[in-house]
Amino acid sequence: MKRFNKEIKTIIEAIQDKKGKQIRVLDLKKIDDTICQYIVICEGNTPTQVSAITDSIENKLRDELGERPLVIDGTKNNLWVAMDYANIIIHIFVPESRAFYDIDHLWEDANSTDIPDLE
């Protein structure tokens, strides 16, 4: 994780604080005309866990770095929550939604880093 900036490290810690799994960081900085610099994708086992991960990320980024999201969408059902922090977009899924939408592969030319799950 040394190569990640403080925002990405904080996001990963916030996800892991709530036992989020299957974290993938996509680095889009070297790709022209992208909507952001990073995409972080992870999953929680249930909508309740997705909600907890969302809250953890929002609180940790605000409290530690003074960062606030431009928008958070998907909190009505918590099957897929998207958090937009301008240069970083975070997607938090339940496993079934992640498999169905398969957004991990939309940016196959991005530099991808999988973060090992904490046990």
PDB file of N, CA and C in Angstrom:
ATOM      1  N   MET A   1       0.818  -1.198   0.000  1.00  0.00           N
ATOM      2  CA  MET A   1       0.000   0.000   0.000  1.00  0.00           C
ATOM      3  C   MET A   1       0.857   1.254   0.000  1.00  0.00           C
ATOM      4  N   LYS A   2       2.149   1.099   0.014  1.00  0.00           N
ATOM      5  CA  LYS A   2       3.020   2.262   0.068  1.00  0.00           C
ATOM      6  C   LYS A   2       2.809   3.211  -1.105  1.00  0.00           C
ATOM      7  N   ARG A   3       2.484   2.682  -2.261  1.00  0.00           N
ATOM      8  CA  ARG A   3       2.405   3.538  -3.447  1.00  0.00           C
ATOM      9  C   ARG A   3       1.107   4.326  -3.550  1.00  0.00           C
ATOM     10  N   PHE A   4       0.143   4.052  -2.689  1.00  0.00           N
ATOM     11  CA  PHE A   4      -1.127   4.767  -2.745  1.00  0.00           C
ATOM     12  C   PHE A   4      -1.048   6.086  -1.990  1.00  0.00           C
ATOM     13  N   ASN A   5      -1.841   7.063  -2.446  1.00  0.00           N
ATOM     14  CA  ASN A   5      -1.900   8.340  -1.750  1.00  0.00           C
ATOM     15  C   ASN A   5      -2.700   8.185  -0.455  1.00  0.00           C
ATOM     16  N   LYS A   6      -2.701   9.237   0.358  1.00  0.00           N
ATOM     17  CA  LYS A   6      -3.343   9.153   1.679  1.00  0.00           C
ATOM     18  C   LYS A   6      -4.842   8.918   1.580  1.00  0.00           C
ATOM     19  N   GLU A   7      -5.498   9.442   0.536  1.00  0.00           N
ATOM     20  CA  GLU A   7      -6.935   9.227   0.388  1.00  0.00           C
ATOM     21  C   GLU A   7      -7.251   7.751   0.143  1.00  0.00           C
ATOM     22  N   ILE A   8      -6.512   7.135  -0.766  1.00  0.00           N
ATOM     23  CA  ILE A   8      -6.744   5.715  -1.074  1.00  0.00           C
ATOM     24  C   ILE A   8      -6.443   4.854   0.148  1.00  0.00           C
ATOM     25  N   LYS A   9      -5.341   5.138   0.839  1.00  0.00           N
ATOM     26  CA  LYS A   9      -5.008   4.377   2.053  1.00  0.00           C
ATOM     27  C   LYS A   9      -6.116   4.510   3.095  1.00  0.00           C
ATOM     28  N   THR A  10      -6.650   5.713   3.243  1.00  0.00           N
ATOM     29  CA  THR A  10      -7.723   5.945   4.220  1.00  0.00           C
ATOM     30  C   THR A  10      -8.983   5.194   3.833  1.00  0.00           C
ATOM     31  N   ILE A  11      -9.303   5.178   2.552  1.00  0.00           N
ATOM     32  CA  ILE A  11     -10.468   4.439   2.062  1.00  0.00           C
ATOM     33  C   ILE A  11     -10.303   2.943   2.333  1.00  0.00           C
ATOM     34  N   ILE A  12      -9.135   2.404   2.030  1.00  0.00           N
ATOM     35  CA  ILE A  12      -8.883   0.976   2.266  1.00  0.00           C
ATOM     36  C   ILE A  12      -9.024   0.662   3.752  1.00  0.00           C
ATOM     37  N   GLU A  13      -8.458   1.496   4.614  1.00  0.00           N
ATOM     38  CA  GLU A  13      -8.577   1.280   6.062  1.00  0.00           C
ATOM     39  C   GLU A  13     -10.039   1.320   6.499  1.00  0.00           C
ATOM     40  N   ALA A  14     -10.805   2.272   5.969  1.00  0.00           N
ATOM     41  CA  ALA A  14     -12.222   2.392   6.348  1.00  0.00           C
ATOM     42  C   ALA A  14     -13.011   1.156   5.918  1.00  0.00           C
ATOM     43  N   ILE A  15     -12.702   0.626   4.737  1.00  0.00           N
ATOM     44  CA  ILE A  15     -13.360  -0.601   4.266  1.00  0.00           C
ATOM     45  C   ILE A  15     -12.993  -1.767   5.178  1.00  0.00           C
ATOM     46  N   GLN A  16     -11.707  -1.905   5.469  1.00  0.00           N
ATOM     47  CA  GLN A  16     -11.250  -3.013   6.295  1.00  0.00           C
ATOM     48  C   GLN A  16     -11.753  -2.900   7.735  1.00  0.00           C
ATOM     49  N   ASP A  17     -11.970  -1.675   8.215  1.00  0.00           N
ATOM     50  CA  ASP A  17     -12.522  -1.482   9.568  1.00  0.00           C
ATOM     51  C   ASP A  17     -13.881  -2.162   9.715  1.00  0.00           C
ATOM     52  N   LYS A  18     -14.630  -2.247   8.621  1.00  0.00           N
ATOM     53  CA  LYS A  18     -15.964  -2.860   8.644  1.00  0.00           C
ATOM     54  C   LYS A  18     -15.971  -4.225   7.959  1.00  0.00           C
ATOM     55  N   LYS A  19     -14.789  -4.819   7.848  1.00  0.00           N
ATOM     56  CA  LYS A  19     -14.638  -6.177   7.315  1.00  0.00           C
ATOM     57  C   LYS A  19     -15.044  -6.303   5.845  1.00  0.00           C
ATOM     58  N   GLY A  20     -14.914  -5.207   5.084  1.00  0.00           N
ATOM     59  CA  GLY A  20     -15.160  -5.260   3.647  1.00  0.00           C
ATOM     60  C   GLY A  20     -14.136  -6.168   2.977  1.00  0.00           C
ATOM     61  N   LYS A  21     -14.532  -6.770   1.879  1.00  0.00           N
ATOM     62  CA  LYS A  21     -13.692  -7.773   1.207  1.00  0.00           C
ATOM     63  C   LYS A  21     -13.504  -7.431  -0.274  1.00  0.00           C
ATOM     64  N   GLN A  22     -12.611  -8.194  -0.887  1.00  0.00           N
ATOM     65  CA  GLN A  22     -12.387  -8.141  -2.336  1.00  0.00           C
ATOM     66  C   GLN A  22     -12.148  -6.703  -2.810  1.00  0.00           C
ATOM     67  N   ILE A  23     -11.241  -6.006  -2.125  1.00  0.00           N
ATOM     68  CA  ILE A  23     -10.943  -4.616  -2.477  1.00  0.00           C
ATOM     69  C   ILE A  23     -10.049  -4.596  -3.711  1.00  0.00           C
ATOM     70  N   ARG A  24     -10.453  -3.805  -4.674  1.00  0.00           N
ATOM     71  CA  ARG A  24      -9.659  -3.601  -5.895  1.00  0.00           C
ATOM     72  C   ARG A  24      -9.532  -2.102  -6.133  1.00  0.00           C
ATOM     73  N   VAL A  25      -8.304  -1.666  -6.385  1.00  0.00           N
ATOM     74  CA  VAL A  25      -8.037  -0.264  -6.696  1.00  0.00           C
ATOM     75  C   VAL A  25      -7.605  -0.185  -8.153  1.00  0.00           C
ATOM     76  N   LEU A  26      -8.337   0.610  -8.933  1.00  0.00           N
ATOM     77  CA  LEU A  26      -8.007   0.835 -10.337  1.00  0.00           C
ATOM     78  C   LEU A  26      -7.393   2.215 -10.463  1.00  0.00           C
ATOM     79  N   ASP A  27      -6.167   2.267 -10.981  1.00  0.00           N
ATOM     80  CA  ASP A  27      -5.460   3.522 -11.193  1.00  0.00           C
ATOM     81  C   ASP A  27      -5.663   3.941 -12.644  1.00  0.00           C
ATOM     82  N   LEU A  28      -6.416   5.031 -12.843  1.00  0.00           N
ATOM     83  CA  LEU A  28      -6.765   5.491 -14.188  1.00  0.00           C
ATOM     84  C   LEU A  28      -5.937   6.694 -14.636  1.00  0.00           C
ATOM     85  N   LYS A  29      -4.935   7.086 -13.863  1.00  0.00           N
ATOM     86  CA  LYS A  29      -4.197   8.320 -14.152  1.00  0.00           C
ATOM     87  C   LYS A  29      -3.529   8.320 -15.526  1.00  0.00           C
ATOM     88  N   LYS A  30      -3.131   7.172 -16.012  1.00  0.00           N
ATOM     89  CA  LYS A  30      -2.432   7.119 -17.301  1.00  0.00           C
ATOM     90  C   LYS A  30      -3.373   6.888 -18.484  1.00  0.00           C
ATOM     91  N   ILE A  31      -4.670   6.908 -18.223  1.00  0.00           N
ATOM     92  CA  ILE A  31      -5.661   6.701 -19.275  1.00  0.00           C
ATOM     93  C   ILE A  31      -6.304   8.052 -19.598  1.00  0.00           C
ATOM     94  N   ASP A  32      -6.325   8.407 -20.857  1.00  0.00           N
ATOM     95  CA  ASP A  32      -6.896   9.685 -21.277  1.00  0.00           C
ATOM     96  C   ASP A  32      -8.409   9.704 -21.114  1.00  0.00           C
ATOM     97  N   ASP A  33      -8.933  10.879 -20.827  1.00  0.00           N
ATOM     98  CA  ASP A  33     -10.376  11.154 -20.804  1.00  0.00           C
ATOM     99  C   ASP A  33     -11.157  10.262 -19.843  1.00  0.00           C
ATOM    100  N   THR A  34     -10.629  10.065 -18.657  1.00  0.00           N
ATOM    101  CA  THR A  34     -11.373   9.315 -17.642  1.00  0.00           C
ATOM    102  C   THR A  34     -12.082  10.285 -16.705  1.00  0.00           C
ATOM    103  N   ILE A  35     -13.071   9.787 -16.009  1.00  0.00           N
ATOM    104  CA  ILE A  35     -13.877  10.639 -15.142  1.00  0.00           C
ATOM    105  C   ILE A  35     -13.225  10.877 -13.787  1.00  0.00           C
ATOM    106  N   CYS A  36     -12.181  10.099 -13.452  1.00  0.00           N
ATOM    107  CA  CYS A  36     -11.513  10.243 -12.163  1.00  0.00           C
ATOM    108  C   CYS A  36     -10.112   9.646 -12.275  1.00  0.00           C
ATOM    109  N   GLN A  37      -9.351   9.756 -11.193  1.00  0.00           N
ATOM    110  CA  GLN A  37      -8.000   9.187 -11.172  1.00  0.00           C
ATOM    111  C   GLN A  37      -7.981   7.759 -10.626  1.00  0.00           C
ATOM    112  N   TYR A  38      -8.884   7.494  -9.681  1.00  0.00           N
ATOM    113  CA  TYR A  38      -8.943   6.171  -9.066  1.00  0.00           C
ATOM    114  C   TYR A  38     -10.383   5.698  -8.949  1.00  0.00           C
ATOM    115  N   ILE A  39     -10.542   4.383  -9.046  1.00  0.00           N
ATOM    116  CA  ILE A  39     -11.801   3.734  -8.715  1.00  0.00           C
ATOM    117  C   ILE A  39     -11.467   2.658  -7.695  1.00  0.00           C
ATOM    118  N   VAL A  40     -12.219   2.657  -6.599  1.00  0.00           N
ATOM    119  CA  VAL A  40     -12.055   1.635  -5.578  1.00  0.00           C
ATOM    120  C   VAL A  40     -13.338   0.819  -5.559  1.00  0.00           C
ATOM    121  N   ILE A  41     -13.201  -0.496  -5.642  1.00  0.00           N
ATOM    122  CA  ILE A  41     -14.342  -1.404  -5.652  1.00  0.00           C
ATOM    123  C   ILE A  41     -14.167  -2.383  -4.498  1.00  0.00           C
ATOM    124  N   CYS A  42     -15.258  -2.635  -3.788  1.00  0.00           N
ATOM    125  CA  CYS A  42     -15.198  -3.616  -2.704  1.00  0.00           C
ATOM    126  C   CYS A  42     -16.589  -4.205  -2.505  1.00  0.00           C
ATOM    127  N   GLU A  43     -16.690  -5.122  -1.546  1.00  0.00           N
ATOM    128  CA  GLU A  43     -18.005  -5.688  -1.262  1.00  0.00           C
ATOM    129  C   GLU A  43     -18.179  -5.975   0.222  1.00  0.00           C
ATOM    130  N   GLY A  44     -19.445  -5.929   0.595  1.00  0.00           N
ATOM    131  CA  GLY A  44     -19.894  -6.348   1.909  1.00  0.00           C
ATOM    132  C   GLY A  44     -20.860  -7.495   1.702  1.00  0.00           C
ATOM    133  N   ASN A  45     -20.991  -8.364   2.676  1.00  0.00           N
ATOM    134  CA  ASN A  45     -21.821  -9.562   2.510  1.00  0.00           C
ATOM    135  C   ASN A  45     -23.316  -9.282   2.453  1.00  0.00           C
ATOM    136  N   THR A  46     -23.750  -8.198   3.091  1.00  0.00           N
ATOM    137  CA  THR A  46     -25.179  -7.888   3.189  1.00  0.00           C
ATOM    138  C   THR A  46     -25.393  -6.393   2.966  1.00  0.00           C
ATOM    139  N   PRO A  47     -26.632  -5.982   2.675  1.00  0.00           N
ATOM    140  CA  PRO A  47     -26.909  -4.542   2.572  1.00  0.00           C
ATOM    141  C   PRO A  47     -26.538  -3.781   3.854  1.00  0.00           C
ATOM    142  N   THR A  48     -26.708  -4.400   5.012  1.00  0.00           N
ATOM    143  CA  THR A  48     -26.331  -3.749   6.274  1.00  0.00           C
ATOM    144  C   THR A  48     -24.827  -3.493   6.328  1.00  0.00           C
ATOM    145  N   GLN A  49     -24.040  -4.470   5.883  1.00  0.00           N
ATOM    146  CA  GLN A  49     -22.590  -4.283   5.874  1.00  0.00           C
ATOM    147  C   GLN A  49     -22.184  -3.245   4.840  1.00  0.00           C
ATOM    148  N   VAL A  50     -22.832  -3.233   3.681  1.00  0.00           N
ATOM    149  CA  VAL A  50     -22.554  -2.205   2.665  1.00  0.00           C
ATOM    150  C   VAL A  50     -22.805  -0.823   3.259  1.00  0.00           C
ATOM    151  N   SER A  51     -23.897  -0.668   3.988  1.00  0.00           N
ATOM    152  CA  SER A  51     -24.208   0.595   4.647  1.00  0.00           C
ATOM    153  C   SER A  51     -23.134   0.980   5.661  1.00  0.00           C
ATOM    154  N   ALA A  52     -22.679   0.019   6.440  1.00  0.00           N
ATOM    155  CA  ALA A  52     -21.643   0.279   7.443  1.00  0.00           C
ATOM    156  C   ALA A  52     -20.324   0.695   6.785  1.00  0.00           C
ATOM    157  N   ILE A  53     -19.972   0.051   5.678  1.00  0.00           N
ATOM    158  CA  ILE A  53     -18.753   0.407   4.947  1.00  0.00           C
ATOM    159  C   ILE A  53     -18.877   1.823   4.392  1.00  0.00           C
ATOM    160  N   THR A  54     -20.036   2.139   3.829  1.00  0.00           N
ATOM    161  CA  THR A  54     -20.278   3.484   3.285  1.00  0.00           C
ATOM    162  C   THR A  54     -20.090   4.537   4.376  1.00  0.00           C
ATOM    163  N   ASP A  55     -20.715   4.317   5.528  1.00  0.00           N
ATOM    164  CA  ASP A  55     -20.593   5.261   6.640  1.00  0.00           C
ATOM    165  C   ASP A  55     -19.147   5.374   7.115  1.00  0.00           C
ATOM    166  N   SER A  56     -18.451   4.248   7.178  1.00  0.00           N
ATOM    167  CA  SER A  56     -17.061   4.239   7.628  1.00  0.00           C
ATOM    168  C   SER A  56     -16.182   5.075   6.706  1.00  0.00           C
ATOM    169  N   ILE A  57     -16.349   4.894   5.399  1.00  0.00           N
ATOM    170  CA  ILE A  57     -15.565   5.665   4.434  1.00  0.00           C
ATOM    171  C   ILE A  57     -15.872   7.155   4.568  1.00  0.00           C
ATOM    172  N   GLU A  58     -17.159   7.491   4.584  1.00  0.00           N
ATOM    173  CA  GLU A  58     -17.546   8.896   4.665  1.00  0.00           C
ATOM    174  C   GLU A  58     -17.008   9.549   5.945  1.00  0.00           C
ATOM    175  N   ASN A  59     -17.150   8.881   7.063  1.00  0.00           N
ATOM    176  CA  ASN A  59     -16.703   9.441   8.340  1.00  0.00           C
ATOM    177  C   ASN A  59     -15.186   9.565   8.415  1.00  0.00           C
ATOM    178  N   LYS A  60     -14.483   8.542   7.976  1.00  0.00           N
ATOM    179  CA  LYS A  60     -13.017   8.546   8.066  1.00  0.00           C
ATOM    180  C   LYS A  60     -12.412   9.606   7.146  1.00  0.00           C
ATOM    181  N   LEU A  61     -12.917   9.724   5.917  1.00  0.00           N
ATOM    182  CA  LEU A  61     -12.392  10.750   5.003  1.00  0.00           C
ATOM    183  C   LEU A  61     -12.687  12.157   5.525  1.00  0.00           C
ATOM    184  N   ARG A  62     -13.866  12.348   6.097  1.00  0.00           N
ATOM    185  CA  ARG A  62     -14.222  13.664   6.645  1.00  0.00           C
ATOM    186  C   ARG A  62     -13.388  13.981   7.885  1.00  0.00           C
ATOM    187  N   ASP A  63     -13.328  13.039   8.821  1.00  0.00           N
ATOM    188  CA  ASP A  63     -12.669  13.297  10.099  1.00  0.00           C
ATOM    189  C   ASP A  63     -11.153  13.393   9.982  1.00  0.00           C
ATOM    190  N   GLU A  64     -10.554  12.565   9.140  1.00  0.00           N
ATOM    191  CA  GLU A  64      -9.096  12.533   9.061  1.00  0.00           C
ATOM    192  C   GLU A  64      -8.518  13.443   7.983  1.00  0.00           C
ATOM    193  N   LEU A  65      -9.270  13.647   6.881  1.00  0.00           N
ATOM    194  CA  LEU A  65      -8.708  14.405   5.762  1.00  0.00           C
ATOM    195  C   LEU A  65      -9.544  15.617   5.366  1.00  0.00           C
ATOM    196  N   GLY A  66     -10.697  15.799   6.008  1.00  0.00           N
ATOM    197  CA  GLY A  66     -11.547  16.935   5.659  1.00  0.00           C
ATOM    198  C   GLY A  66     -12.210  16.805   4.304  1.00  0.00           C
ATOM    199  N   GLU A  67     -12.298  15.589   3.790  1.00  0.00           N
ATOM    200  CA  GLU A  67     -12.889  15.339   2.464  1.00  0.00           C
ATOM    201  C   GLU A  67     -14.369  15.007   2.599  1.00  0.00           C
ATOM    202  N   ARG A  68     -15.164  15.569   1.704  1.00  0.00           N
ATOM    203  CA  ARG A  68     -16.606  15.283   1.678  1.00  0.00           C
ATOM    204  C   ARG A  68     -16.984  14.823   0.272  1.00  0.00           C
ATOM    205  N   PRO A  69     -17.905  13.881   0.178  1.00  0.00           N
ATOM    206  CA  PRO A  69     -18.304  13.389  -1.151  1.00  0.00           C
ATOM    207  C   PRO A  69     -19.130  14.429  -1.905  1.00  0.00           C
ATOM    208  N   LEU A  70     -19.001  14.408  -3.226  1.00  0.00           N
ATOM    209  CA  LEU A  70     -19.882  15.225  -4.058  1.00  0.00           C
ATOM    210  C   LEU A  70     -21.277  14.634  -4.036  1.00  0.00           C
ATOM    211  N   VAL A  71     -21.351  13.308  -4.077  1.00  0.00           N
ATOM    212  CA  VAL A  71     -22.641  12.613  -4.055  1.00  0.00           C
ATOM    213  C   VAL A  71     -22.424  11.175  -3.585  1.00  0.00           C
ATOM    214  N   ILE A  72     -23.440  10.643  -2.923  1.00  0.00           N
ATOM    215  CA  ILE A  72     -23.487   9.220  -2.574  1.00  0.00           C
ATOM    216  C   ILE A  72     -24.824   8.709  -3.096  1.00  0.00           C
ATOM    217  N   ASP A  73     -24.788   7.645  -3.886  1.00  0.00           N
ATOM    218  CA  ASP A  73     -26.015   7.113  -4.472  1.00  0.00           C
ATOM    219  C   ASP A  73     -26.122   5.621  -4.174  1.00  0.00           C
ATOM    220  N   GLY A  74     -27.332   5.145  -3.955  1.00  0.00           N
ATOM    221  CA  GLY A  74     -27.594   3.727  -3.757  1.00  0.00           C
ATOM    222  C   GLY A  74     -27.877   3.337  -2.323  1.00  0.00           C
ATOM    223  N   THR A  75     -27.999   4.319  -1.445  1.00  0.00           N
ATOM    224  CA  THR A  75     -28.188   4.000  -0.025  1.00  0.00           C
ATOM    225  C   THR A  75     -29.615   3.597   0.323  1.00  0.00           C
ATOM    226  N   LYS A  76     -30.533   3.679  -0.617  1.00  0.00           N
ATOM    227  CA  LYS A  76     -31.903   3.241  -0.335  1.00  0.00           C
ATOM    228  C   LYS A  76     -31.988   1.719  -0.186  1.00  0.00           C
ATOM    229  N   ASN A  77     -31.217   0.998  -1.025  1.00  0.00           N
ATOM    230  CA  ASN A  77     -31.258  -0.468  -0.927  1.00  0.00           C
ATOM    231  C   ASN A  77     -29.914  -1.084  -0.524  1.00  0.00           C
ATOM    232  N   ASN A  78     -28.833  -0.319  -0.643  1.00  0.00           N
ATOM    233  CA  ASN A  78     -27.490  -0.768  -0.246  1.00  0.00           C
ATOM    234  C   ASN A  78     -27.047  -2.068  -0.918  1.00  0.00           C
ATOM    235  N   LEU A  79     -27.477  -2.267  -2.162  1.00  0.00           N
ATOM    236  CA  LEU A  79     -26.972  -3.390  -2.949  1.00  0.00           C
ATOM    237  C   LEU A  79     -25.754  -2.961  -3.768  1.00  0.00           C
ATOM    238  N   TRP A  80     -25.733  -1.678  -4.143  1.00  0.00           N
ATOM    239  CA  TRP A  80     -24.610  -1.080  -4.848  1.00  0.00           C
ATOM    240  C   TRP A  80     -24.613   0.399  -4.492  1.00  0.00           C
ATOM    241  N   VAL A  81     -23.635   0.827  -3.731  1.00  0.00           N
ATOM    242  CA  VAL A  81     -23.496   2.226  -3.355  1.00  0.00           C
ATOM    243  C   VAL A  81     -22.305   2.797  -4.109  1.00  0.00           C
ATOM    244  N   ALA A  82     -22.507   3.967  -4.710  1.00  0.00           N
ATOM    245  CA  ALA A  82     -21.431   4.692  -5.384  1.00  0.00           C
ATOM    246  C   ALA A  82     -21.180   5.990  -4.632  1.00  0.00           C
ATOM    247  N   MET A  83     -19.912   6.233  -4.329  1.00  0.00           N
ATOM    248  CA  MET A  83     -19.499   7.446  -3.629  1.00  0.00           C
ATOM    249  C   MET A  83     -18.558   8.218  -4.556  1.00  0.00           C
ATOM    250  N   ASP A  84     -18.890   9.469  -4.824  1.00  0.00           N
ATOM    251  CA  ASP A  84     -18.099  10.285  -5.739  1.00  0.00           C
ATOM    252  C   ASP A  84     -17.326  11.338  -4.958  1.00  0.00           C
ATOM    253  N   TYR A  85     -16.011  11.210  -4.976  1.00  0.00           N
ATOM    254  CA  TYR A  85     -15.114  12.188  -4.352  1.00  0.00           C
ATOM    255  C   TYR A  85     -14.300  12.911  -5.424  1.00  0.00           C
ATOM    256  N   ALA A  86     -14.891  13.156  -6.577  1.00  0.00           N
ATOM    257  CA  ALA A  86     -14.277  13.845  -7.720  1.00  0.00           C
ATOM    258  C   ALA A  86     -13.151  13.018  -8.333  1.00  0.00           C
ATOM    259  N   ASN A  87     -11.975  12.988  -7.738  1.00  0.00           N
ATOM    260  CA  ASN A  87     -10.865  12.229  -8.311  1.00  0.00           C
ATOM    261  C   ASN A  87     -10.876  10.762  -7.928  1.00  0.00           C
ATOM    262  N   ILE A  88     -11.764  10.399  -6.999  1.00  0.00           N
ATOM    263  CA  ILE A  88     -11.889   9.001  -6.572  1.00  0.00           C
ATOM    264  C   ILE A  88     -13.371   8.637  -6.554  1.00  0.00           C
ATOM    265  N   ILE A  89     -13.704   7.535  -7.204  1.00  0.00           N
ATOM    266  CA  ILE A  89     -15.064   7.004  -7.141  1.00  0.00           C
ATOM    267  C   ILE A  89     -14.985   5.638  -6.474  1.00  0.00           C
ATOM    268  N   ILE A  90     -15.871   5.423  -5.499  1.00  0.00           N
ATOM    269  CA  ILE A  90     -15.873   4.195  -4.722  1.00  0.00           C
ATOM    270  C   ILE A  90     -17.180   3.459  -4.987  1.00  0.00           C
ATOM    271  N   HIS A  91     -17.075   2.167  -5.277  1.00  0.00           N
ATOM    272  CA  HIS A  91     -18.244   1.309  -5.488  1.00  0.00           C
ATOM    273  C   HIS A  91     -18.231   0.224  -4.415  1.00  0.00           C
ATOM    274  N   ILE A  92     -19.344   0.122  -3.689  1.00  0.00           N
ATOM    275  CA  ILE A  92     -19.472  -0.870  -2.632  1.00  0.00           C
ATOM    276  C   ILE A  92     -20.674  -1.751  -2.983  1.00  0.00           C
ATOM    277  N   PHE A  93     -20.428  -3.023  -3.150  1.00  0.00           N
ATOM    278  CA  PHE A  93     -21.442  -3.958  -3.622  1.00  0.00           C
ATOM    279  C   PHE A  93     -21.724  -5.061  -2.613  1.00  0.00           C
ATOM    280  N   VAL A  94     -22.922  -5.670  -2.721  1.00  0.00           N
ATOM    281  CA  VAL A  94     -23.108  -7.021  -2.202  1.00  0.00           C
ATOM    282  C   VAL A  94     -22.568  -7.933  -3.312  1.00  0.00           C
ATOM    283  N   PRO A  95     -22.111  -9.149  -2.974  1.00  0.00           N
ATOM    284  CA  PRO A  95     -21.465 -10.002  -3.984  1.00  0.00           C
ATOM    285  C   PRO A  95     -22.304 -10.247  -5.241  1.00  0.00           C
ATOM    286  N   GLU A  96     -23.611 -10.454  -5.093  1.00  0.00           N
ATOM    287  CA  GLU A  96     -24.454 -10.758  -6.254  1.00  0.00           C
ATOM    288  C   GLU A  96     -24.504  -9.577  -7.230  1.00  0.00           C
ATOM    289  N   SER A  97     -24.606  -8.368  -6.703  1.00  0.00           N
ATOM    290  CA  SER A  97     -24.644  -7.179  -7.566  1.00  0.00           C
ATOM    291  C   SER A  97     -23.298  -6.951  -8.243  1.00  0.00           C
ATOM    292  N   ARG A  98     -22.220  -7.180  -7.511  1.00  0.00           N
ATOM    293  CA  ARG A  98     -20.899  -7.008  -8.118  1.00  0.00           C
ATOM    294  C   ARG A  98     -20.705  -7.971  -9.282  1.00  0.00           C
ATOM    295  N   ALA A  99     -21.103  -9.221  -9.086  1.00  0.00           N
ATOM    296  CA  ALA A  99     -20.973 -10.208 -10.157  1.00  0.00           C
ATOM    297  C   ALA A  99     -21.861  -9.843 -11.344  1.00  0.00           C
ATOM    298  N   PHE A 100     -23.083  -9.378 -11.074  1.00  0.00           N
ATOM    299  CA  PHE A 100     -24.015  -9.048 -12.150  1.00  0.00           C
ATOM    300  C   PHE A 100     -23.523  -7.873 -12.989  1.00  0.00           C
ATOM    301  N   TYR A 101     -23.101  -6.783 -12.355  1.00  0.00           N
ATOM    302  CA  TYR A 101     -22.695  -5.585 -13.095  1.00  0.00           C
ATOM    303  C   TYR A 101     -21.260  -5.658 -13.608  1.00  0.00           C
ATOM    304  N   ASP A 102     -20.414  -6.437 -12.959  1.00  0.00           N
ATOM    305  CA  ASP A 102     -19.056  -6.729 -13.421  1.00  0.00           C
ATOM    306  C   ASP A 102     -18.287  -5.472 -13.841  1.00  0.00           C
ATOM    307  N   ILE A 103     -18.373  -4.411 -13.030  1.00  0.00           N
ATOM    308  CA  ILE A 103     -17.680  -3.179 -13.416  1.00  0.00           C
ATOM    309  C   ILE A 103     -16.170  -3.277 -13.248  1.00  0.00           C
ATOM    310  N   ASP A 104     -15.699  -4.292 -12.555  1.00  0.00           N
ATOM    311  CA  ASP A 104     -14.253  -4.481 -12.394  1.00  0.00           C
ATOM    312  C   ASP A 104     -13.550  -4.541 -13.752  1.00  0.00           C
ATOM    313  N   HIS A 105     -14.259  -5.023 -14.755  1.00  0.00           N
ATOM    314  CA  HIS A 105     -13.629  -5.247 -16.060  1.00  0.00           C
ATOM    315  C   HIS A 105     -13.890  -4.135 -17.076  1.00  0.00           C
ATOM    316  N   LEU A 106     -14.569  -3.076 -16.668  1.00  0.00           N
ATOM    317  CA  LEU A 106     -14.814  -1.972 -17.607  1.00  0.00           C
ATOM    318  C   LEU A 106     -13.537  -1.208 -17.946  1.00  0.00           C
ATOM    319  N   TRP A 107     -12.596  -1.210 -17.039  1.00  0.00           N
ATOM    320  CA  TRP A 107     -11.333  -0.492 -17.252  1.00  0.00           C
ATOM    321  C   TRP A 107     -10.189  -1.489 -17.233  1.00  0.00           C
ATOM    322  N   GLU A 108     -10.218  -2.455 -18.128  1.00  0.00           N
ATOM    323  CA  GLU A 108      -9.199  -3.499 -18.156  1.00  0.00           C
ATOM    324  C   GLU A 108      -7.807  -2.963 -18.447  1.00  0.00           C
ATOM    325  N   ASP A 109      -7.723  -1.790 -19.077  1.00  0.00           N
ATOM    326  CA  ASP A 109      -6.411  -1.216 -19.378  1.00  0.00           C
ATOM    327  C   ASP A 109      -5.861  -0.388 -18.213  1.00  0.00           C
ATOM    328  N   ALA A 110      -6.592  -0.293 -17.115  1.00  0.00           N
ATOM    329  CA  ALA A 110      -6.128   0.429 -15.923  1.00  0.00           C
ATOM    330  C   ALA A 110      -5.167  -0.451 -15.138  1.00  0.00           C
ATOM    331  N   ASN A 111      -4.288   0.192 -14.389  1.00  0.00           N
ATOM    332  CA  ASN A 111      -3.430  -0.525 -13.468  1.00  0.00           C
ATOM    333  C   ASN A 111      -4.290  -0.948 -12.279  1.00  0.00           C
ATOM    334  N   SER A 112      -4.391  -2.239 -12.056  1.00  0.00           N
ATOM    335  CA  SER A 112      -5.282  -2.780 -11.039  1.00  0.00           C
ATOM    336  C   SER A 112      -4.492  -3.396  -9.899  1.00  0.00           C
ATOM    337  N   THR A 113      -4.907  -3.100  -8.659  1.00  0.00           N
ATOM    338  CA  THR A 113      -4.273  -3.671  -7.478  1.00  0.00           C
ATOM    339  C   THR A 113      -5.340  -4.285  -6.596  1.00  0.00           C
ATOM    340  N   ASP A 114      -5.200  -5.574  -6.309  1.00  0.00           N
ATOM    341  CA  ASP A 114      -6.101  -6.245  -5.379  1.00  0.00           C
ATOM    342  C   ASP A 114      -5.484  -6.199  -3.987  1.00  0.00           C
ATOM    343  N   ILE A 115      -6.289  -5.785  -3.024  1.00  0.00           N
ATOM    344  CA  ILE A 115      -5.839  -5.687  -1.637  1.00  0.00           C
ATOM    345  C   ILE A 115      -6.265  -6.962  -0.928  1.00  0.00           C
ATOM    346  N   PRO A 116      -5.333  -7.663  -0.291  1.00  0.00           N
ATOM    347  CA  PRO A 116      -5.694  -8.911   0.400  1.00  0.00           C
ATOM    348  C   PRO A 116      -6.729  -8.660   1.500  1.00  0.00           C
ATOM    349  N   ASP A 117      -7.658  -9.592   1.627  1.00  0.00           N
ATOM    350  CA  ASP A 117      -8.660  -9.510   2.684  1.00  0.00           C
ATOM    351  C   ASP A 117      -7.980  -9.699   4.043  1.00  0.00           C
ATOM    352  N   LEU A 118      -8.470  -8.981   5.044  1.00  0.00           N
ATOM    353  CA  LEU A 118      -8.027  -9.216   6.414  1.00  0.00           C
ATOM    354  C   LEU A 118      -8.830 -10.379   6.976  1.00  0.00           C
ATOM    355  N   GLU A 119      -8.203 -11.191   7.757  1.00  0.00           N
ATOM    356  CA  GLU A 119      -8.907 -12.349   8.327  1.00  0.00           C
ATOM    357  C   GLU A 119      -9.404 -12.056   9.699  1.00  0.00           C
TER     358      GLU A 119
END
